[in-house]
Protein backbone atom coordinates (compact mmCIF):
# COMPACT_ATOMS: atom_id res chain seq x y z
CA MET A 1 25.29 3.67 24.92
CA ASP A 2 27.34 1.25 22.85
CA VAL A 3 28.31 1.68 19.21
CA ASN A 4 25.59 -0.61 17.82
CA ALA A 5 22.84 1.20 19.73
CA GLU A 6 24.18 4.55 18.52
CA PHE A 7 24.25 3.21 14.96
CA VAL A 8 20.62 2.04 15.17
CA LYS A 9 19.65 5.40 16.65
CA SER A 10 21.36 7.21 13.76
CA ILE A 11 19.61 4.99 11.20
CA TYR A 12 16.27 5.85 12.80
CA ALA A 13 17.03 9.59 12.73
CA THR A 14 18.22 9.43 9.12
CA VAL A 15 15.11 7.58 7.97
CA LYS A 16 12.79 10.00 9.79
CA ALA A 17 14.58 12.98 8.21
CA SER A 18 14.53 11.60 4.67
CA ASP A 19 12.27 13.13 2.03
CA THR A 20 11.18 9.66 0.92
CA TYR A 21 9.95 8.77 4.39
CA ARG A 22 8.11 12.05 4.80
CA GLU A 23 6.52 11.81 1.36
CA TYR A 24 5.52 8.15 1.23
CA PHE A 25 5.70 6.67 4.73
CA ALA A 26 4.85 9.47 7.17
CA GLY A 27 3.06 8.04 10.18
CA LYS A 28 4.32 4.49 9.52
CA LYS A 29 6.69 2.53 11.74
CA VAL A 30 10.41 2.48 11.14
CA VAL A 31 11.43 -1.18 11.33
CA ILE A 32 15.10 -2.05 11.73
CA VAL A 33 16.00 -5.72 11.28
CA LEU A 34 18.92 -7.14 13.27
CA ASP A 35 20.60 -10.47 12.76
CA ASN A 36 21.72 -12.56 15.71
CA ALA A 37 25.33 -11.46 15.73
CA PRO A 38 26.67 -11.36 19.29
CA ALA A 39 27.38 -7.65 18.91
CA HIS A 40 23.64 -6.98 18.56
CA ASN A 41 22.61 -8.73 21.79
CA GLN A 42 22.21 -5.61 23.92
CA VAL A 43 20.77 -3.19 21.36
CA GLU A 44 17.15 -3.49 22.54
CA LEU A 45 18.14 -3.00 26.18
CA ARG A 46 20.24 0.04 25.40
CA LEU A 47 17.50 1.60 23.26
CA GLU A 48 14.54 1.03 25.60
CA GLU A 49 14.18 4.77 26.25
CA VAL A 50 14.33 5.64 22.55
CA ILE A 51 11.80 2.93 21.67
CA ALA A 52 9.46 4.11 24.45
CA GLU A 53 9.87 7.75 23.43
CA HIS A 54 9.24 7.08 19.74
CA GLY A 55 6.31 4.73 19.32
CA ASP A 56 7.13 4.31 15.64
CA LEU A 57 10.47 2.52 16.09
CA GLU A 58 10.46 -1.27 16.03
CA LEU A 59 13.43 -3.61 16.19
CA LEU A 60 13.00 -7.09 14.72
CA ARG A 61 15.44 -9.97 15.02
CA LEU A 62 15.98 -12.63 12.42
CA GLY A 63 15.40 -16.14 13.66
CA PRO A 64 18.39 -18.16 14.82
CA TYR A 65 20.28 -20.02 12.12
CA SER A 66 18.50 -18.20 9.29
CA PRO A 67 21.18 -16.66 7.07
CA MET A 68 18.83 -17.07 4.09
CA LEU A 69 16.73 -14.24 5.54
CA ASN A 70 19.71 -11.89 5.74
CA PRO A 71 20.56 -10.60 2.26
CA ILE A 72 24.04 -9.47 3.33
CA GLU A 73 25.16 -12.96 4.41
CA GLY A 74 27.88 -14.23 2.10
CA LYS A 75 28.29 -10.90 0.30
CA GLU A 76 31.47 -9.71 2.00
CA CYS A 77 33.75 -12.03 -0.01
CA GLU A 78 31.75 -12.39 -3.19
CA GLU A 79 34.76 -11.48 -5.34
CA TYR A 80 36.78 -14.38 -3.92
CA PRO A 81 35.65 -17.99 -4.20
CA SER A 82 35.01 -19.68 -0.89
CA ASN A 83 37.16 -22.61 0.15
CA SER A 84 34.32 -24.97 -0.65
CA MET A 85 34.26 -23.78 -4.24
CA ILE A 86 37.93 -24.33 -4.98
CA LEU A 87 38.31 -27.48 -7.03
CA HIS A 88 41.45 -29.57 -6.82
C-alpha cells in the first residue's frame, strides 16, 4: 500500500477512535475529502478492501480545477507575498 493510502487509513482509524466521534457521530460515515493532486490518484484503488470492509468510510474528490473548495490551497506560503503581489 502506498504512503497516501496508509495516511488515509490512519486518518480513518484516528477518527473512529476519537472520543468526539464516539460521543457525537457514532454510526455516521467518516468522509475524507481528497483534492486532485497526482499523488492521490490511486488512493481509492489501494483502499478498496478497507472501504468494502468498513461500510462507513467514504472518499470524496474535489472537482477538477476547484481550488476554492480546498481550504488549504494557498496557505503554505501565506507569510510570504506571492510574485503577483509584489509591486514594482
